[in-house]
């Protein structure tokens, strides 16, 4: 390959010891212009050797003063150091246990910041968890100490993360919903369980178990876990969680939470897995490539024996079959009465059985990017405990049955489609679904017959929405019908959102004028209006 350009390629945190891999990399780059360079960073000298590096630079340890600066910023968090000389002395003793390792310093600082008291810091300093012989030399003592001093409710949430492979980009909302489905979140009077779960996540972040993904904006809901922290989660799971990656692996007895992450595009035979794990509470299928940071398209996993899962593993609380080749959900899914989380996004499923209405504990239902799915079953109105319903797809829509307005506990609804006939729901079904948060997209507005129906949706009562998307059919744009134009204008006028809305998106609007409320100072939080 002749690129004829000078380039600098940076390969960070390299771990591949295969010499053929590196030979292939450098062969691809052989056509680069003279003066090009490859910079490889690694924590292991053997990797540096196998790359055939011309120059190797060993980074020096941080000096003591820099270590202390990092530590005090995290551990004291604005506390006046001169007022607490006892803590300074204990902190410096503890800092010597970090061996100038930045990760260890940060973890220790995060641990101590949770309780800036002399008693707490002494208990950490004097803990016998620092004994290397007791923890094994393959684990850094600071990491073990940071885990052991976690409250019990955070320990089980952290251990659950071992189901996901290294490099996985976590979504806070997704993870909290899994924790909630497993019953890991302890209730507090007057608090929403998900809000408590978010607090759990923030506490783990403050202790440096997670940090924002550098591939995303700081405001995005994307987090990663350091590989050594990931190793710690595997230790913490103590065989309750198991990540199945290879057909020759033996699943330990006592596993309650299982994920399938095939190393290659392989078929997975479930029969022997199910035979060993009938007490499963979580079954998550994922492709190794879907967990890579740069992946956009996920290869489909072929599952053999999936029908046995619905009959023999009926105690599941979490079932994620997304990105698999399943084409239907069997009627016997109604046996899974404990199921709280169900995800079959990006599958070939064409319909959902009416029996799903028996899953009265279902909290989350994700059916995104199911291009063959055309409608939801009428029985979905029986899922009154449902908090999250994901039914987004790029082309077309998923019809919603009459009665969906009974799902008054919904917190997120990715799309609401207004039906064109009596089989599907009208926009007035939104009236009592007032706890929706985040973004709501309403499509099929050409099917709203008058302003009275639009007003009945009570969008002004949806106080927790920050983004509202209103969409007419693209076919309406070219229709020069005075009645349709006037109706659309009245409909939009009566779809006034709450004063808390921050972003308004209007697509294919066939009207000639916009409602007077758009420019009203009442909407002081509105910062973005997008017209398409």
Protein backbone atom coordinates (compact mmCIF):
# COMPACT_ATOMS: atom_id res chain seq x y z
CA UNK A 1 0.00 0.00 0.00
CA UNK A 2 1.48 3.36 -1.03
CA UNK A 3 -0.03 6.20 0.98
CA UNK A 4 2.60 8.78 -0.01
CA UNK A 5 1.85 10.76 3.11
CA UNK A 6 3.78 11.26 6.28
CA UNK A 7 1.89 9.95 9.26
CA UNK A 8 2.11 9.51 13.01
CA UNK A 9 0.21 6.47 14.30
CA UNK A 10 -0.35 6.18 18.05
CA UNK A 11 -1.31 2.77 19.46
CA UNK A 12 -2.16 3.26 23.11
CA UNK A 13 -2.16 0.59 25.83
CA UNK A 14 -1.00 -2.20 23.52
CA UNK A 15 -1.34 -5.75 24.87
CA UNK A 16 -1.05 -8.01 21.82
CA UNK A 17 1.99 -10.32 22.10
CA UNK A 18 1.54 -11.91 18.67
CA UNK A 19 4.55 -11.03 16.48
CA UNK A 20 2.55 -11.77 13.32
CA UNK A 21 0.04 -9.12 14.35
CA UNK A 22 2.76 -6.49 14.57
CA UNK A 23 4.41 -7.64 11.34
CA UNK A 24 1.09 -7.18 9.55
CA UNK A 25 0.60 -3.73 11.06
CA UNK A 26 4.01 -2.53 9.93
CA UNK A 27 3.58 -4.13 6.50
CA UNK A 28 0.43 -2.08 5.97
CA UNK A 29 2.34 1.06 6.91
CA UNK A 30 5.35 0.36 4.73
CA UNK A 31 4.03 2.63 2.00
CA UNK A 32 3.93 5.71 4.21
CA UNK A 33 6.22 8.61 3.38
CA UNK A 34 9.70 8.91 4.83
CA UNK A 35 9.70 10.40 8.31
CA UNK A 36 6.53 8.61 9.41
CA UNK A 37 6.50 7.09 12.88
CA UNK A 38 4.54 4.68 15.07
CA UNK A 39 4.24 5.40 18.79
CA UNK A 40 3.23 2.45 20.96
CA UNK A 41 2.46 2.72 24.66
CA UNK A 42 2.31 -0.34 26.87
CA UNK A 43 2.70 -1.30 30.49
CA UNK A 44 4.71 -4.41 29.63
CA UNK A 45 8.29 -4.55 28.36
CA UNK A 46 7.71 -7.82 26.49
CA UNK A 47 5.22 -6.01 24.24
CA UNK A 48 7.81 -3.37 23.47
CA UNK A 49 10.28 -6.09 22.52
CA UNK A 50 7.91 -7.98 20.21
CA UNK A 51 7.11 -4.81 18.24
CA UNK A 52 10.78 -4.47 17.32
CA UNK A 53 10.84 -0.89 18.58
CA UNK A 54 13.92 1.14 17.67
CA UNK A 55 13.75 3.27 20.80
CA UNK A 56 12.15 2.34 24.12
CA UNK A 57 11.52 4.95 26.77
CA UNK A 58 10.83 3.90 30.34
CA UNK A 59 8.66 6.50 32.00
CA UNK A 60 9.86 7.60 35.41
CA UNK A 61 7.68 7.31 38.46
CA UNK A 62 5.90 10.43 39.61
CA UNK A 63 7.82 12.41 42.19
CA UNK A 64 6.50 12.42 45.75
CA UNK A 65 5.18 15.98 45.56
CA UNK A 66 3.15 15.23 42.42
CA UNK A 67 1.71 12.09 44.01
CA UNK A 68 0.65 14.11 47.04
CA UNK A 69 -0.93 16.78 44.84
CA UNK A 70 -3.09 14.21 43.02
CA UNK A 71 -4.00 12.51 46.28
CA UNK A 72 -5.03 15.63 48.17
CA UNK A 73 -7.19 16.91 45.30
CA UNK A 74 -9.23 13.70 45.40
CA UNK A 75 -9.15 12.76 49.07
CA UNK A 76 -9.67 16.13 50.73
CA UNK A 77 -11.95 17.69 48.10
CA UNK A 78 -11.57 21.27 49.31
CA UNK A 79 -11.04 20.49 52.99
CA UNK A 80 -8.58 22.84 54.71
CA UNK A 81 -5.42 20.76 55.15
CA UNK A 82 -3.90 23.02 57.82
CA UNK A 83 -6.96 22.47 60.00
CA UNK A 84 -6.55 18.68 59.91
CA UNK A 85 -2.87 17.78 60.43
CA UNK A 86 -3.85 14.29 61.66
CA UNK A 87 -5.44 13.48 58.31
CA UNK A 88 -2.43 14.82 56.45
CA UNK A 89 -0.14 12.49 58.41
CA UNK A 90 -2.38 9.45 57.84
CA UNK A 91 -2.76 10.36 54.18
CA UNK A 92 1.00 10.46 53.66
CA UNK A 93 1.39 7.05 55.30
CA UNK A 94 -1.30 5.65 53.01
CA UNK A 95 0.26 7.24 49.97
CA UNK A 96 3.41 5.16 50.43
CA UNK A 97 1.30 2.05 49.74
CA UNK A 98 0.53 3.29 46.21
CA UNK A 99 4.12 2.92 44.92
CA UNK A 100 3.66 6.09 42.79
CA UNK A 101 0.98 4.32 40.70
CA UNK A 102 -1.46 6.98 39.47
CA UNK A 103 -4.42 4.58 39.30
CA UNK A 104 -3.78 3.46 42.88
CA UNK A 105 -3.46 7.06 44.06
CA UNK A 106 -6.76 7.99 42.45
CA UNK A 107 -8.55 4.93 43.82
CA UNK A 108 -7.24 5.58 47.31
CA UNK A 109 -8.23 9.23 47.10
CA UNK A 110 -11.71 8.28 45.92
CA UNK A 111 -12.09 5.81 48.78
CA UNK A 112 -11.04 8.26 51.48
CA UNK A 113 -13.10 11.15 50.10
CA UNK A 114 -16.28 9.26 50.98
CA UNK A 115 -15.63 9.94 54.68
CA UNK A 116 -13.05 12.58 55.57
CA UNK A 117 -12.68 11.60 59.23
CA UNK A 118 -9.68 10.46 61.27
CA UNK A 119 -11.48 7.31 62.42
CA UNK A 120 -12.29 6.24 58.87
CA UNK A 121 -8.80 6.92 57.53
CA UNK A 122 -7.17 5.05 60.40
CA UNK A 123 -9.37 2.02 59.76
CA UNK A 124 -8.14 1.98 56.16
CA UNK A 125 -4.49 2.41 57.18
CA UNK A 126 -4.63 -0.31 59.82
CA UNK A 127 -6.61 -2.81 57.73
CA UNK A 128 -5.03 -6.24 57.28
CA UNK A 129 -6.23 -6.13 53.67
CA UNK A 130 -2.86 -4.61 52.79
CA UNK A 131 -1.21 -7.98 53.41
CA UNK A 132 0.01 -9.16 50.00
CA UNK A 133 0.08 -12.80 51.08
CA UNK A 134 -3.64 -12.70 51.79
CA UNK A 135 -4.76 -11.06 48.56
CA UNK A 136 -2.40 -12.65 46.08
CA UNK A 137 0.34 -10.84 44.24
CA UNK A 138 -1.59 -10.58 41.00
CA UNK A 139 -3.82 -7.83 42.44
CA UNK A 140 -2.74 -4.38 43.55
CA UNK A 141 -3.49 -4.02 47.29
CA UNK A 142 -5.06 -0.56 46.90
CA UNK A 143 -7.65 -1.93 44.49
CA UNK A 144 -8.61 -4.74 46.85
CA UNK A 145 -8.86 -2.31 49.77
CA UNK A 146 -11.00 0.09 47.70
CA UNK A 147 -13.40 -2.73 46.90
CA UNK A 148 -13.59 -4.20 50.40
CA UNK A 149 -14.46 -0.80 51.88
CA UNK A 150 -17.40 -0.38 49.53
CA UNK A 151 -20.87 -0.58 51.13
CA UNK A 152 -22.52 -3.95 50.47
CA UNK A 153 -25.08 -2.51 48.05
CA UNK A 154 -22.29 -1.09 45.87
CA UNK A 155 -20.29 -4.32 46.01
CA UNK A 156 -23.00 -6.37 44.30
CA UNK A 157 -23.60 -3.66 41.69
CA UNK A 158 -19.89 -3.48 40.90
CA UNK A 159 -19.49 -7.27 40.73
CA UNK A 160 -22.32 -7.47 38.17
CA UNK A 161 -20.18 -5.41 35.77
CA UNK A 162 -17.89 -8.43 35.29
CA UNK A 163 -20.49 -9.77 32.83
CA UNK A 164 -19.23 -7.25 30.30
CA UNK A 165 -15.81 -7.61 28.63
CA UNK A 166 -12.86 -5.26 28.85
CA UNK A 167 -13.29 -2.21 26.67
CA UNK A 168 -17.06 -2.16 27.10
CA UNK A 169 -18.60 1.31 27.06
CA UNK A 170 -21.19 1.46 29.82
CA UNK A 171 -24.37 3.49 29.71
CA UNK A 172 -25.37 4.67 33.16
CA UNK A 173 -29.08 4.35 32.42
CA UNK A 174 -28.71 0.86 30.95
CA UNK A 175 -26.66 -0.40 33.87
CA UNK A 176 -28.98 1.06 36.50
CA UNK A 177 -31.96 -0.65 34.86
CA UNK A 178 -30.14 -3.97 35.02
CA UNK A 179 -29.32 -3.41 38.70
CA UNK A 180 -32.93 -2.53 39.38
CA UNK A 181 -34.18 -5.64 37.56
CA UNK A 182 -31.90 -7.80 39.71
CA UNK A 183 -33.16 -6.23 42.93
CA UNK A 184 -29.78 -4.70 43.80
CA UNK A 185 -31.23 -1.27 44.66
CA UNK A 186 -32.41 -0.81 48.22
CA UNK A 187 -35.57 1.33 48.51
CA UNK A 188 -35.62 4.64 50.38
CA UNK A 189 -38.94 6.16 51.41
CA UNK A 190 -39.88 8.99 49.06
CA UNK A 191 -37.23 8.12 46.47
CA UNK A 192 -37.64 6.66 43.00
CA UNK A 193 -35.64 3.43 42.73
CA UNK A 194 -33.90 4.54 39.55
CA UNK A 195 -32.80 7.80 41.16
CA UNK A 196 -31.27 5.73 43.97
CA UNK A 197 -29.54 3.61 41.31
CA UNK A 198 -28.12 6.74 39.67
CA UNK A 199 -26.78 7.75 43.07
CA UNK A 200 -25.10 4.32 43.35
CA UNK A 201 -23.46 4.87 39.98
CA UNK A 202 -22.28 8.37 40.88
CA UNK A 203 -20.76 7.04 44.07
CA UNK A 204 -18.83 4.39 42.14
CA UNK A 205 -17.66 7.14 39.78
CA UNK A 206 -16.52 9.30 42.69
CA UNK A 207 -14.46 6.34 43.89
CA UNK A 208 -12.96 6.02 40.39
CA UNK A 209 -14.47 2.62 39.54
CA UNK A 210 -15.83 4.28 36.37
CA UNK A 211 -14.74 7.31 34.40
CA UNK A 212 -16.12 9.10 31.35
CA UNK A 213 -15.26 7.60 27.98
CA UNK A 214 -12.73 9.81 26.23
CA UNK A 215 -14.38 8.89 22.93
CA UNK A 216 -17.54 10.75 23.90
CA UNK A 217 -18.53 14.18 25.15
CA UNK A 218 -18.40 14.75 28.88
CA UNK A 219 -22.18 15.22 28.88
CA UNK A 220 -22.81 11.87 27.17
CA UNK A 221 -24.03 8.89 29.16
CA UNK A 222 -20.90 6.86 28.32
CA UNK A 223 -18.40 5.43 30.80
CA UNK A 224 -15.50 2.99 30.78
CA UNK A 225 -13.71 0.90 33.36
CA UNK A 226 -9.93 0.58 33.64
CA UNK A 227 -8.75 -2.92 32.77
CA UNK A 228 -7.36 -3.47 36.28
CA UNK A 229 -10.69 -2.37 37.76
CA UNK A 230 -12.36 -4.84 35.41
CA UNK A 231 -10.10 -7.59 36.77
CA UNK A 232 -11.22 -6.52 40.23
CA UNK A 233 -14.89 -6.91 39.24
CA UNK A 234 -14.13 -10.47 38.15
CA UNK A 235 -12.61 -11.15 41.58
CA UNK A 236 -15.61 -9.52 43.26
CA UNK A 237 -18.16 -11.67 41.44
CA UNK A 238 -16.80 -14.84 43.11
CA UNK A 239 -18.26 -17.11 40.42
CA UNK A 240 -21.80 -15.73 40.82
CA UNK A 241 -21.23 -13.94 37.50
CA UNK A 242 -19.75 -15.72 34.51
CA UNK A 243 -18.86 -14.47 31.05
CA UNK A 244 -19.02 -17.37 28.58
CA UNK A 245 -16.66 -16.73 25.63
CA UNK A 246 -15.58 -20.13 24.37
CA UNK A 247 -17.46 -23.38 23.80
CA UNK A 248 -14.86 -25.34 25.75
CA UNK A 249 -15.37 -23.31 28.91
CA UNK A 250 -16.92 -25.03 31.90
CA UNK A 251 -19.54 -22.98 33.68
CA UNK A 252 -18.97 -23.08 37.46
CA UNK A 253 -21.74 -24.28 39.70
CA UNK A 254 -23.66 -21.58 41.52
CA UNK A 255 -23.61 -19.06 38.66
CA UNK A 256 -26.65 -16.78 38.80
CA UNK A 257 -25.69 -14.19 36.19
CA UNK A 258 -24.45 -15.29 32.77
CA UNK A 259 -23.39 -13.44 29.64
CA UNK A 260 -22.50 -14.99 26.29
CA UNK A 261 -19.80 -13.08 24.45
CA UNK A 262 -18.48 -15.34 21.65
CA UNK A 263 -14.93 -14.61 20.59
CA UNK A 264 -15.78 -15.07 16.93
CA UNK A 265 -18.81 -15.23 14.65
CA UNK A 266 -19.86 -18.53 16.08
CA UNK A 267 -23.01 -20.49 16.70
CA UNK A 268 -23.80 -20.99 20.37
CA UNK A 269 -25.52 -24.21 21.43
CA UNK A 270 -27.53 -23.42 24.54
CA UNK A 271 -28.64 -26.89 25.62
CA UNK A 272 -25.66 -27.80 27.80
CA UNK A 273 -25.40 -24.24 29.11
CA UNK A 274 -29.03 -24.30 30.21
CA UNK A 275 -28.59 -27.72 31.82
CA UNK A 276 -25.90 -26.31 34.11
CA UNK A 277 -27.60 -23.05 34.99
CA UNK A 278 -31.27 -23.56 35.71
CA UNK A 279 -31.11 -21.08 38.61
CA UNK A 280 -30.05 -18.21 36.36
CA UNK A 281 -31.35 -14.72 37.07
CA UNK A 282 -29.57 -12.94 34.20
CA UNK A 283 -28.98 -14.15 30.65
CA UNK A 284 -27.29 -11.57 28.42
CA UNK A 285 -26.17 -12.32 24.87
CA UNK A 286 -23.64 -10.03 23.26
CA UNK A 287 -21.23 -10.17 20.38
CA UNK A 288 -17.60 -9.45 21.15
CA UNK A 289 -17.59 -6.81 18.43
CA UNK A 290 -20.57 -4.97 19.83
CA UNK A 291 -18.50 -4.24 22.90
CA UNK A 292 -15.64 -2.64 20.95
CA UNK A 293 -15.41 1.11 21.25
CA UNK A 294 -15.46 1.83 17.51
CA UNK A 295 -18.02 -0.71 16.37
CA UNK A 296 -21.17 0.47 14.61
CA UNK A 297 -22.52 -2.74 13.06
CA UNK A 298 -22.98 -5.83 15.19
CA UNK A 299 -22.67 -9.33 13.68
CA UNK A 300 -25.65 -11.51 14.44
CA UNK A 301 -25.21 -14.46 16.81
CA UNK A 302 -26.87 -17.76 15.95
CA UNK A 303 -28.46 -19.45 18.97
CA UNK A 304 -29.37 -23.15 18.91
CA UNK A 305 -31.83 -24.45 21.51
CA UNK A 306 -33.31 -21.08 22.41
CA UNK A 307 -36.76 -22.60 22.98
CA UNK A 308 -35.44 -24.57 25.99
CA UNK A 309 -34.45 -21.32 27.64
CA UNK A 310 -38.07 -20.15 27.93
CA UNK A 311 -39.23 -23.47 29.39
CA UNK A 312 -36.37 -24.48 31.71
CA UNK A 313 -34.96 -21.17 32.97
CA UNK A 314 -38.15 -19.51 34.11
CA UNK A 315 -36.64 -17.65 37.06
CA UNK A 316 -34.85 -15.09 34.89
CA UNK A 317 -35.12 -11.46 35.87
CA UNK A 318 -32.98 -10.16 32.98
CA UNK A 319 -33.14 -11.54 29.42
CA UNK A 320 -31.20 -9.79 26.67
CA UNK A 321 -31.37 -11.48 23.25
CA UNK A 322 -30.48 -8.41 21.19
CA UNK A 323 -28.36 -8.87 18.06
CA UNK A 324 -29.26 -12.55 17.75
CA UNK A 325 -31.05 -14.38 14.93
CA UNK A 326 -34.25 -15.14 16.82
CA UNK A 327 -37.38 -14.67 14.71
CA UNK A 328 -40.08 -15.06 17.33
CA UNK A 329 -40.79 -15.03 21.02
CA UNK A 330 -42.63 -18.21 22.04
CA UNK A 331 -45.97 -18.07 23.80
CA UNK A 332 -44.40 -19.83 26.77
CA UNK A 333 -42.59 -16.61 27.63
CA UNK A 334 -45.50 -16.11 30.05
CA UNK A 335 -43.78 -18.68 32.30
CA UNK A 336 -41.09 -16.11 33.10
CA UNK A 337 -43.21 -14.34 35.70
CA UNK A 338 -40.13 -12.85 37.44
CA UNK A 339 -38.84 -11.16 34.28
CA UNK A 340 -38.14 -7.46 34.81
CA UNK A 341 -35.92 -6.64 31.85
CA UNK A 342 -36.44 -7.90 28.28
CA UNK A 343 -34.41 -6.78 25.27
CA UNK A 344 -34.69 -8.22 21.76
CA UNK A 345 -33.47 -5.19 19.81
CA UNK A 346 -31.98 -5.66 16.34
CA UNK A 347 -33.57 -9.07 15.76
CA UNK A 348 -35.85 -10.49 13.07
CA UNK A 349 -38.86 -10.74 15.36
CA UNK A 350 -42.08 -9.97 13.45
CA UNK A 351 -44.59 -10.05 16.29
CA UNK A 352 -44.82 -10.18 20.06
CA UNK A 353 -47.17 -12.81 21.54
CA UNK A 354 -50.21 -11.66 23.49
CA UNK A 355 -48.91 -13.76 26.40
CA UNK A 356 -46.36 -11.03 27.15
CA UNK A 357 -49.17 -9.29 29.02
CA UNK A 358 -48.70 -11.86 31.81
CA UNK A 359 -45.23 -10.50 32.64
CA UNK A 360 -46.61 -8.16 35.26
CA UNK A 361 -43.18 -7.46 36.78
CA UNK A 362 -41.68 -6.24 33.51
CA UNK A 363 -39.93 -2.94 34.08
CA UNK A 364 -38.02 -2.48 30.80
CA UNK A 365 -38.95 -3.64 27.29
CA UNK A 366 -36.52 -2.83 24.47
CA UNK A 367 -37.51 -3.61 20.88
CA UNK A 368 -35.40 -1.08 18.99
CA UNK A 369 -34.31 -1.64 15.36
CA UNK A 370 -36.66 -4.59 14.91
CA UNK A 371 -37.38 -3.83 11.25
CA UNK A 372 -39.88 -6.68 10.80
CA UNK A 373 -41.95 -5.71 13.84
CA UNK A 374 -45.02 -3.69 12.79
CA UNK A 375 -47.13 -3.45 15.93
CA UNK A 376 -47.27 -4.06 19.66
CA UNK A 377 -49.79 -6.59 21.05
CA UNK A 378 -52.96 -5.30 22.66
CA UNK A 379 -52.00 -7.07 25.89
CA UNK A 380 -49.13 -4.62 26.42
CA UNK A 381 -51.59 -2.42 28.28
CA UNK A 382 -51.50 -5.01 31.08
CA UNK A 383 -47.83 -4.20 31.82
CA UNK A 384 -48.70 -1.48 34.29
CA UNK A 385 -45.30 -1.70 36.02
CA UNK A 386 -43.48 -0.91 32.77
CA UNK A 387 -41.14 2.08 33.12
CA UNK A 388 -39.22 1.95 29.83
CA UNK A 389 -40.47 1.10 26.36
CA UNK A 390 -38.05 1.33 23.43
CA UNK A 391 -39.62 0.92 19.98
CA UNK A 392 -37.45 3.06 17.70
CA UNK A 393 -36.56 2.05 14.17
CA UNK A 394 -35.14 4.09 11.31
CA UNK A 395 -37.71 3.17 8.67
CA UNK A 396 -41.43 2.90 9.27
CA UNK A 397 -43.15 2.72 12.63
CA UNK A 398 -44.44 0.29 15.22
CA UNK A 399 -48.18 0.55 15.69
CA UNK A 400 -49.43 1.04 19.24
CA UNK A 401 -52.74 -0.49 20.34
CA UNK A 402 -55.65 1.28 21.95
CA UNK A 403 -55.17 1.20 25.73
CA UNK A 404 -51.46 1.97 25.82
CA UNK A 405 -52.40 5.05 27.85
CA UNK A 406 -52.82 2.71 30.83
CA UNK A 407 -49.01 2.53 31.11
CA UNK A 408 -48.95 5.54 33.40
CA UNK A 409 -45.69 4.51 35.09
CA UNK A 410 -43.63 4.96 31.91
CA UNK A 411 -40.47 7.02 32.42
CA UNK A 412 -39.17 6.68 28.87
CA UNK A 413 -40.97 6.10 25.59
CA UNK A 414 -38.67 6.39 22.61
CA UNK A 415 -41.47 6.83 20.07
CA UNK A 416 -45.24 7.29 20.13
CA UNK A 417 -47.07 6.69 16.86
CA UNK A 418 -50.54 8.14 16.33
CA UNK A 419 -52.61 5.53 14.51
CA UNK A 420 -54.65 6.06 11.35
CA UNK A 421 -57.57 3.76 12.24
CA UNK A 422 -59.39 2.25 15.20
CA UNK A 423 -56.82 -0.54 15.63
CA UNK A 424 -54.22 1.91 16.89
CA UNK A 425 -54.18 4.48 19.63
CA UNK A 426 -54.88 8.17 19.29
CA UNK A 427 -52.72 10.97 20.64
CA UNK A 428 -55.09 11.41 23.61
CA UNK A 429 -53.62 8.18 25.08
CA UNK A 430 -50.66 10.30 26.21
CA UNK A 431 -52.87 12.24 28.59
CA UNK A 432 -52.02 10.43 31.82
CA UNK A 433 -48.46 9.36 30.99
CA UNK A 434 -46.96 12.32 32.84
CA UNK A 435 -43.70 10.92 34.22
CA UNK A 436 -41.85 10.67 30.92
CA UNK A 437 -38.26 11.90 31.05
CA UNK A 438 -35.66 12.82 28.47
CA UNK A 439 -36.87 12.72 24.86
CA UNK A 440 -40.29 11.93 23.39
CA UNK A 441 -40.84 11.58 19.64
CA UNK A 442 -44.43 11.71 18.40
CA UNK A 443 -44.97 10.55 14.82
CA UNK A 444 -48.05 10.27 12.64
CA UNK A 445 -49.37 13.72 13.54
CA UNK A 446 -51.20 13.83 10.19
CA UNK A 447 -53.59 11.37 11.87
CA UNK A 448 -54.62 13.86 14.57
CA UNK A 449 -58.03 15.03 13.37
CA UNK A 450 -58.48 18.23 15.35
CA UNK A 451 -57.04 20.52 17.98
CA UNK A 452 -59.23 19.01 20.71
CA UNK A 453 -57.47 15.65 20.40
CA UNK A 454 -54.08 17.40 20.39
CA UNK A 455 -54.96 19.33 23.54
CA UNK A 456 -56.06 16.07 25.20
CA UNK A 457 -52.46 14.78 25.02
CA UNK A 458 -51.63 17.25 27.83
CA UNK A 459 -48.03 17.74 26.74
CA UNK A 460 -47.82 20.76 29.03
CA UNK A 461 -48.09 18.35 31.98
CA UNK A 462 -45.01 16.35 30.91
CA UNK A 463 -42.74 18.33 33.25
CA UNK A 464 -39.74 16.00 33.05
CA UNK A 465 -39.28 16.03 29.27
CA UNK A 466 -36.35 18.05 27.99
CA UNK A 467 -36.65 17.17 24.26
CA UNK A 468 -39.82 16.94 22.19
CA UNK A 469 -39.89 15.80 18.55
CA UNK A 470 -43.09 16.31 16.54
CA UNK A 471 -43.30 14.62 13.16
CA UNK A 472 -45.78 14.60 10.28
CA UNK A 473 -45.54 12.18 7.39
CA UNK A 474 -43.17 13.36 4.65
CA UNK A 475 -46.05 12.86 2.20
CA UNK A 476 -47.87 15.80 3.81
CA UNK A 477 -45.31 18.33 2.62
CA UNK A 478 -46.45 18.39 -1.01
CA UNK A 479 -50.18 18.30 -0.30
CA UNK A 480 -51.75 21.69 -1.01
CA UNK A 481 -54.91 21.23 1.00
CA UNK A 482 -56.13 24.30 2.86
CA UNK A 483 -58.06 22.23 5.39
CA UNK A 484 -55.07 19.98 6.15
CA UNK A 485 -52.81 22.99 6.51
CA UNK A 486 -55.19 24.72 8.89
CA UNK A 487 -55.70 21.55 10.93
CA UNK A 488 -51.95 21.03 11.25
CA UNK A 489 -51.53 24.61 12.48
CA UNK A 490 -54.21 24.13 15.13
CA UNK A 491 -52.74 20.78 16.16
CA UNK A 492 -49.27 22.25 16.66
CA UNK A 493 -50.72 25.17 18.60
CA UNK A 494 -52.29 22.70 21.04
CA UNK A 495 -49.20 20.53 21.41
CA UNK A 496 -47.61 23.12 23.64
CA UNK A 497 -45.03 21.43 25.90
CA UNK A 498 -44.16 22.29 29.49
CA UNK A 499 -41.97 25.26 30.36
CA UNK A 500 -39.09 22.85 31.10
CA UNK A 501 -38.57 21.85 27.48
CA UNK A 502 -35.04 22.54 26.24
CA UNK A 503 -35.12 21.29 22.64
CA UNK A 504 -37.98 21.26 20.15
CA UNK A 505 -37.75 19.35 16.84
CA UNK A 506 -40.46 19.72 14.17
CA UNK A 507 -40.33 17.54 11.05
CA UNK A 508 -42.39 17.76 7.84
CA UNK A 509 -44.74 20.38 9.27
CA UNK A 510 -47.27 21.24 6.52
CA UNK A 511 -48.54 24.43 8.13
CA UNK A 512 -47.73 27.97 7.05
CA UNK A 513 -47.39 29.60 10.47
CA UNK A 514 -45.93 28.54 13.78
CA UNK A 515 -47.80 28.73 17.08
CA UNK A 516 -47.50 31.84 19.19
CA UNK A 517 -46.11 29.89 22.16
CA UNK A 518 -42.79 29.22 20.40
CA UNK A 519 -41.61 32.77 21.04
CA UNK A 520 -43.13 33.09 24.50
CA UNK A 521 -40.65 34.06 27.29
CA UNK A 522 -42.45 31.41 29.36
CA UNK A 523 -40.15 28.90 27.62
CA UNK A 524 -36.97 30.34 29.10
CA UNK A 525 -35.21 26.95 29.07
CA UNK A 526 -35.75 26.38 25.36
CA UNK A 527 -32.31 26.65 23.75
CA UNK A 528 -32.77 24.75 20.47
CA UNK A 529 -35.47 24.66 17.80
CA UNK A 530 -34.83 22.37 14.83
CA UNK A 531 -37.04 22.46 11.73
CA UNK A 532 -36.68 19.70 9.15
